[in-house]
PDB file of all heavy atoms in Angstrom:
ATOM      1  N   MET A   1      -2.307   4.688 -10.522  1.00  0.00           N
ATOM      2  CA  MET A   1      -3.058   3.473 -10.788  1.00  0.00           C
ATOM      3  C   MET A   1      -3.558   3.517 -12.225  1.00  0.00           C
ATOM      4  O   MET A   1      -4.350   4.388 -12.583  1.00  0.00           O
ATOM      5  CB  MET A   1      -4.236   3.335  -9.820  1.00  0.00           C
ATOM      6  CG  MET A   1      -3.825   3.378  -8.353  1.00  0.00           C
ATOM      7  SD  MET A   1      -5.214   3.047  -7.241  1.00  0.00           S
ATOM      8  CE  MET A   1      -6.240   4.484  -7.597  1.00  0.00           C
ATOM      9  N   ASN A   2      -3.090   2.586 -13.037  1.00  0.00           N
ATOM     10  CA  ASN A   2      -3.482   2.480 -14.434  1.00  0.00           C
ATOM     11  C   ASN A   2      -4.189   1.159 -14.675  1.00  0.00           C
ATOM     12  O   ASN A   2      -4.079   0.226 -13.890  1.00  0.00           O
ATOM     13  CB  ASN A   2      -2.259   2.584 -15.342  1.00  0.00           C
ATOM     14  CG  ASN A   2      -1.535   3.898 -15.219  1.00  0.00           C
ATOM     15  OD1 ASN A   2      -2.154   4.942 -15.035  1.00  0.00           O
ATOM     16  ND2 ASN A   2      -0.204   3.867 -15.329  1.00  0.00           N
ATOM     17  N   SER A   3      -4.890   1.077 -15.793  1.00  0.00           N
ATOM     18  CA  SER A   3      -5.601  -0.142 -16.183  1.00  0.00           C
ATOM     19  C   SER A   3      -6.442  -0.684 -15.041  1.00  0.00           C
ATOM     20  O   SER A   3      -6.404  -1.870 -14.720  1.00  0.00           O
ATOM     21  CB  SER A   3      -4.598  -1.194 -16.670  1.00  0.00           C
ATOM     22  OG  SER A   3      -3.849  -0.718 -17.765  1.00  0.00           O
ATOM     23  N   LEU A   4      -7.216   0.189 -14.436  1.00  0.00           N
ATOM     24  CA  LEU A   4      -7.986  -0.184 -13.256  1.00  0.00           C
ATOM     25  C   LEU A   4      -9.036  -1.234 -13.587  1.00  0.00           C
ATOM     26  O   LEU A   4      -9.626  -1.232 -14.671  1.00  0.00           O
ATOM     27  CB  LEU A   4      -8.636   1.048 -12.644  1.00  0.00           C
ATOM     28  CG  LEU A   4      -7.668   1.923 -11.845  1.00  0.00           C
ATOM     29  CD1 LEU A   4      -8.243   3.318 -11.657  1.00  0.00           C
ATOM     30  CD2 LEU A   4      -7.367   1.280 -10.494  1.00  0.00           C
ATOM     31  N   LYS A   5      -9.252  -2.112 -12.618  1.00  0.00           N
ATOM     32  CA  LYS A   5     -10.209  -3.198 -12.725  1.00  0.00           C
ATOM     33  C   LYS A   5     -11.249  -3.070 -11.623  1.00  0.00           C
ATOM     34  O   LYS A   5     -10.975  -2.484 -10.574  1.00  0.00           O
ATOM     35  CB  LYS A   5      -9.497  -4.550 -12.585  1.00  0.00           C
ATOM     36  CG  LYS A   5      -8.360  -4.773 -13.560  1.00  0.00           C
ATOM     37  CD  LYS A   5      -7.635  -6.069 -13.243  1.00  0.00           C
ATOM     38  CE  LYS A   5      -6.484  -6.302 -14.196  1.00  0.00           C
ATOM     39  NZ  LYS A   5      -5.766  -7.560 -13.879  1.00  0.00           N
ATOM     40  N   PRO A   6     -12.437  -3.633 -11.823  1.00  0.00           N
ATOM     41  CA  PRO A   6     -13.441  -3.568 -10.757  1.00  0.00           C
ATOM     42  C   PRO A   6     -12.934  -4.122  -9.424  1.00  0.00           C
ATOM     43  O   PRO A   6     -13.332  -3.619  -8.366  1.00  0.00           O
ATOM     44  CB  PRO A   6     -14.588  -4.409 -11.313  1.00  0.00           C
ATOM     45  CG  PRO A   6     -14.473  -4.234 -12.790  1.00  0.00           C
ATOM     46  CD  PRO A   6     -12.988  -4.198 -13.065  1.00  0.00           C
ATOM     47  N   GLU A   7     -12.072  -5.132  -9.461  1.00  0.00           N
ATOM     48  CA  GLU A   7     -11.546  -5.700  -8.228  1.00  0.00           C
ATOM     49  C   GLU A   7     -10.590  -4.767  -7.493  1.00  0.00           C
ATOM     50  O   GLU A   7     -10.176  -5.066  -6.370  1.00  0.00           O
ATOM     51  CB  GLU A   7     -10.867  -7.055  -8.485  1.00  0.00           C
ATOM     52  CG  GLU A   7      -9.865  -7.022  -9.623  1.00  0.00           C
ATOM     53  CD  GLU A   7     -10.452  -7.539 -10.927  1.00  0.00           C
ATOM     54  OE1 GLU A   7     -11.572  -7.124 -11.286  1.00  0.00           O
ATOM     55  OE2 GLU A   7      -9.789  -8.367 -11.586  1.00  0.00           O
ATOM     56  N   ASP A   8     -10.219  -3.639  -8.096  1.00  0.00           N
ATOM     57  CA  ASP A   8      -9.435  -2.623  -7.408  1.00  0.00           C
ATOM     58  C   ASP A   8     -10.298  -1.734  -6.521  1.00  0.00           C
ATOM     59  O   ASP A   8      -9.756  -0.911  -5.775  1.00  0.00           O
ATOM     60  CB  ASP A   8      -8.685  -1.743  -8.406  1.00  0.00           C
ATOM     61  CG  ASP A   8      -7.641  -2.506  -9.205  1.00  0.00           C
ATOM     62  OD1 ASP A   8      -6.925  -3.338  -8.609  1.00  0.00           O
ATOM     63  OD2 ASP A   8      -7.538  -2.266 -10.418  1.00  0.00           O
ATOM     64  N   THR A   9     -11.606  -1.867  -6.605  1.00  0.00           N
ATOM     65  CA  THR A   9     -12.507  -1.063  -5.793  1.00  0.00           C
ATOM     66  C   THR A   9     -12.246  -1.316  -4.316  1.00  0.00           C
ATOM     67  O   THR A   9     -12.294  -2.454  -3.849  1.00  0.00           O
ATOM     68  CB  THR A   9     -13.963  -1.380  -6.138  1.00  0.00           C
ATOM     69  OG1 THR A   9     -14.230  -0.981  -7.483  1.00  0.00           O
ATOM     70  CG2 THR A   9     -14.914  -0.649  -5.210  1.00  0.00           C
ATOM     71  N   ALA A  10     -11.955  -0.255  -3.572  1.00  0.00           N
ATOM     72  CA  ALA A  10     -11.623  -0.375  -2.156  1.00  0.00           C
ATOM     73  C   ALA A  10     -11.415   1.006  -1.571  1.00  0.00           C
ATOM     74  O   ALA A  10     -11.317   2.003  -2.292  1.00  0.00           O
ATOM     75  CB  ALA A  10     -10.357  -1.214  -1.952  1.00  0.00           C
ATOM     76  N   MET A  11     -11.334   1.049  -0.247  1.00  0.00           N
ATOM     77  CA  MET A  11     -10.827   2.221   0.434  1.00  0.00           C
ATOM     78  C   MET A  11      -9.307   2.101   0.475  1.00  0.00           C
ATOM     79  O   MET A  11      -8.781   1.068   0.906  1.00  0.00           O
ATOM     80  CB  MET A  11     -11.402   2.328   1.838  1.00  0.00           C
ATOM     81  CG  MET A  11     -11.002   3.602   2.574  1.00  0.00           C
ATOM     82  SD  MET A  11     -11.818   5.088   1.938  1.00  0.00           S
ATOM     83  CE  MET A  11     -13.464   4.864   2.619  1.00  0.00           C
ATOM     84  N   TYR A  12      -8.623   3.132   0.030  1.00  0.00           N
ATOM     85  CA  TYR A  12      -7.163   3.129  -0.025  1.00  0.00           C
ATOM     86  C   TYR A  12      -6.609   4.010   1.082  1.00  0.00           C
ATOM     87  O   TYR A  12      -7.036   5.152   1.257  1.00  0.00           O
ATOM     88  CB  TYR A  12      -6.673   3.628  -1.384  1.00  0.00           C
ATOM     89  CG  TYR A  12      -6.796   2.596  -2.469  1.00  0.00           C
ATOM     90  CD1 TYR A  12      -8.044   2.243  -2.967  1.00  0.00           C
ATOM     91  CD2 TYR A  12      -5.672   1.956  -2.983  1.00  0.00           C
ATOM     92  CE1 TYR A  12      -8.173   1.279  -3.948  1.00  0.00           C
ATOM     93  CE2 TYR A  12      -5.787   0.997  -3.968  1.00  0.00           C
ATOM     94  CZ  TYR A  12      -7.040   0.658  -4.448  1.00  0.00           C
ATOM     95  OH  TYR A  12      -7.153  -0.295  -5.426  1.00  0.00           O
ATOM     96  N   TYR A  13      -5.633   3.470   1.808  1.00  0.00           N
ATOM     97  CA  TYR A  13      -5.018   4.148   2.936  1.00  0.00           C
ATOM     98  C   TYR A  13      -3.514   4.274   2.723  1.00  0.00           C
ATOM     99  O   TYR A  13      -2.877   3.354   2.212  1.00  0.00           O
ATOM    100  CB  TYR A  13      -5.231   3.362   4.235  1.00  0.00           C
ATOM    101  CG  TYR A  13      -6.667   3.131   4.613  1.00  0.00           C
ATOM    102  CD1 TYR A  13      -7.343   2.005   4.166  1.00  0.00           C
ATOM    103  CD2 TYR A  13      -7.331   4.029   5.434  1.00  0.00           C
ATOM    104  CE1 TYR A  13      -8.661   1.781   4.520  1.00  0.00           C
ATOM    105  CE2 TYR A  13      -8.644   3.813   5.798  1.00  0.00           C
ATOM    106  CZ  TYR A  13      -9.300   2.687   5.337  1.00  0.00           C
ATOM    107  OH  TYR A  13     -10.609   2.467   5.699  1.00  0.00           O
ATOM    108  N   CYS A  14      -2.939   5.387   3.136  1.00  0.00           N
ATOM    109  CA  CYS A  14      -1.494   5.472   3.199  1.00  0.00           C
ATOM    110  C   CYS A  14      -1.036   5.254   4.629  1.00  0.00           C
ATOM    111  O   CYS A  14      -1.772   5.495   5.588  1.00  0.00           O
ATOM    112  CB  CYS A  14      -0.964   6.802   2.641  1.00  0.00           C
ATOM    113  SG  CYS A  14      -1.447   8.279   3.544  1.00  0.00           S
ATOM    114  N   ALA A  15       0.187   4.765   4.762  1.00  0.00           N
ATOM    115  CA  ALA A  15       0.771   4.478   6.058  1.00  0.00           C
ATOM    116  C   ALA A  15       2.247   4.830   6.031  1.00  0.00           C
ATOM    117  O   ALA A  15       2.872   4.875   4.965  1.00  0.00           O
ATOM    118  CB  ALA A  15       0.579   3.003   6.428  1.00  0.00           C
ATOM    119  N   ALA A  16       2.809   5.071   7.209  1.00  0.00           N
ATOM    120  CA  ALA A  16       4.212   5.437   7.311  1.00  0.00           C
ATOM    121  C   ALA A  16       4.822   4.820   8.557  1.00  0.00           C
ATOM    122  O   ALA A  16       4.137   4.602   9.559  1.00  0.00           O
ATOM    123  CB  ALA A  16       4.381   6.961   7.340  1.00  0.00           C
ATOM    124  N   ALA A  17       6.118   4.559   8.477  1.00  0.00           N
ATOM    125  CA  ALA A  17       6.873   4.020   9.593  1.00  0.00           C
ATOM    126  C   ALA A  17       8.242   4.677   9.635  1.00  0.00           C
ATOM    127  O   ALA A  17       8.669   5.326   8.679  1.00  0.00           O
ATOM    128  CB  ALA A  17       7.013   2.501   9.478  1.00  0.00           C
ATOM    129  N   ASN A  18       8.943   4.479  10.734  1.00  0.00           N
ATOM    130  CA  ASN A  18      10.208   5.158  10.981  1.00  0.00           C
ATOM    131  C   ASN A  18      11.428   4.270  10.752  1.00  0.00           C
ATOM    132  O   ASN A  18      12.533   4.629  11.158  1.00  0.00           O
ATOM    133  CB  ASN A  18      10.240   5.694  12.413  1.00  0.00           C
ATOM    134  CG  ASN A  18       9.179   6.735  12.670  1.00  0.00           C
ATOM    135  OD1 ASN A  18       8.965   7.620  11.843  1.00  0.00           O
ATOM    136  ND2 ASN A  18       8.508   6.636  13.799  1.00  0.00           N
ATOM    137  N   LEU A  19      11.232   3.141  10.101  1.00  0.00           N
ATOM    138  CA  LEU A  19      12.304   2.223   9.752  1.00  0.00           C
ATOM    139  C   LEU A  19      12.275   1.940   8.266  1.00  0.00           C
ATOM    140  O   LEU A  19      11.242   2.091   7.614  1.00  0.00           O
ATOM    141  CB  LEU A  19      12.161   0.903  10.515  1.00  0.00           C
ATOM    142  CG  LEU A  19      12.226   0.955  12.038  1.00  0.00           C
ATOM    143  CD1 LEU A  19      11.839  -0.404  12.612  1.00  0.00           C
ATOM    144  CD2 LEU A  19      13.620   1.343  12.492  1.00  0.00           C
ATOM    145  N   TYR A  20      13.401   1.510   7.716  1.00  0.00           N
ATOM    146  CA  TYR A  20      13.433   1.057   6.334  1.00  0.00           C
ATOM    147  C   TYR A  20      12.435  -0.082   6.151  1.00  0.00           C
ATOM    148  O   TYR A  20      12.175  -0.863   7.066  1.00  0.00           O
ATOM    149  CB  TYR A  20      14.821   0.570   5.955  1.00  0.00           C
ATOM    150  CG  TYR A  20      15.896   1.627   6.013  1.00  0.00           C
ATOM    151  CD1 TYR A  20      17.124   1.348   6.607  1.00  0.00           C
ATOM    152  CD2 TYR A  20      15.713   2.886   5.460  1.00  0.00           C
ATOM    153  CE1 TYR A  20      18.129   2.307   6.652  1.00  0.00           C
ATOM    154  CE2 TYR A  20      16.703   3.849   5.509  1.00  0.00           C
ATOM    155  CZ  TYR A  20      17.911   3.548   6.107  1.00  0.00           C
ATOM    156  OH  TYR A  20      18.902   4.498   6.158  1.00  0.00           O
ATOM    157  N   CYS A  21      11.883  -0.188   4.948  1.00  0.00           N
ATOM    158  CA  CYS A  21      10.860  -1.191   4.694  1.00  0.00           C
ATOM    159  C   CYS A  21      11.350  -2.605   5.000  1.00  0.00           C
ATOM    160  O   CYS A  21      10.584  -3.432   5.497  1.00  0.00           O
ATOM    161  CB  CYS A  21      10.382  -1.109   3.251  1.00  0.00           C
ATOM    162  SG  CYS A  21       9.462   0.384   2.848  1.00  0.00           S
ATOM    163  N   ARG A  22      12.605  -2.902   4.711  1.00  0.00           N
ATOM    164  CA  ARG A  22      13.116  -4.246   4.961  1.00  0.00           C
ATOM    165  C   ARG A  22      13.141  -4.573   6.447  1.00  0.00           C
ATOM    166  O   ARG A  22      13.124  -5.748   6.811  1.00  0.00           O
ATOM    167  CB  ARG A  22      14.506  -4.414   4.350  1.00  0.00           C
ATOM    168  CG  ARG A  22      15.543  -3.445   4.892  1.00  0.00           C
ATOM    169  CD  ARG A  22      16.866  -3.606   4.127  1.00  0.00           C
ATOM    170  NE  ARG A  22      17.838  -2.598   4.512  1.00  0.00           N
ATOM    171  CZ  ARG A  22      18.670  -2.703   5.542  1.00  0.00           C
ATOM    172  NH1 ARG A  22      18.653  -3.805   6.289  1.00  0.00           N
ATOM    173  NH2 ARG A  22      19.518  -1.732   5.822  1.00  0.00           N
ATOM    174  N   LEU A  23      13.192  -3.543   7.299  1.00  0.00           N
ATOM    175  CA  LEU A  23      13.122  -3.744   8.738  1.00  0.00           C
ATOM    176  C   LEU A  23      11.683  -3.763   9.227  1.00  0.00           C
ATOM    177  O   LEU A  23      11.336  -4.550  10.113  1.00  0.00           O
ATOM    178  CB  LEU A  23      13.918  -2.658   9.464  1.00  0.00           C
ATOM    179  CG  LEU A  23      15.398  -2.585   9.090  1.00  0.00           C
ATOM    180  CD1 LEU A  23      16.083  -1.455   9.832  1.00  0.00           C
ATOM    181  CD2 LEU A  23      16.098  -3.909   9.382  1.00  0.00           C
ATOM    182  N   VAL A  24      10.835  -2.911   8.655  1.00  0.00           N
ATOM    183  CA  VAL A  24       9.414  -2.935   8.985  1.00  0.00           C
ATOM    184  C   VAL A  24       8.833  -4.322   8.749  1.00  0.00           C
ATOM    185  O   VAL A  24       7.979  -4.791   9.510  1.00  0.00           O
ATOM    186  CB  VAL A  24       8.649  -1.872   8.179  1.00  0.00           C
ATOM    187  CG1 VAL A  24       7.141  -2.014   8.371  1.00  0.00           C
ATOM    188  CG2 VAL A  24       9.107  -0.471   8.576  1.00  0.00           C
ATOM    189  N   ALA A  25       9.309  -4.990   7.700  1.00  0.00           N
ATOM    190  CA  ALA A  25       8.799  -6.309   7.355  1.00  0.00           C
ATOM    191  C   ALA A  25       9.025  -7.334   8.457  1.00  0.00           C
ATOM    192  O   ALA A  25       8.347  -8.363   8.485  1.00  0.00           O
ATOM    193  CB  ALA A  25       9.443  -6.796   6.053  1.00  0.00           C
ATOM    194  N   LEU A  26       9.959  -7.089   9.347  1.00  0.00           N
ATOM    195  CA  LEU A  26      10.278  -8.019  10.421  1.00  0.00           C
ATOM    196  C   LEU A  26       9.409  -7.832  11.661  1.00  0.00           C
ATOM    197  O   LEU A  26       9.413  -8.689  12.550  1.00  0.00           O
ATOM    198  CB  LEU A  26      11.748  -7.874  10.828  1.00  0.00           C
ATOM    199  CG  LEU A  26      12.784  -8.044   9.713  1.00  0.00           C
ATOM    200  CD1 LEU A  26      14.178  -7.773  10.252  1.00  0.00           C
ATOM    201  CD2 LEU A  26      12.698  -9.425   9.103  1.00  0.00           C
TER     202      LEU A  26
END
């Protein structure tokens, strides 16, 4: 994360799935 802005303030979470992203999107 570069050029951070105050609006970037948040709790950040990672997530994972067992399908390609293009399939997860469905």
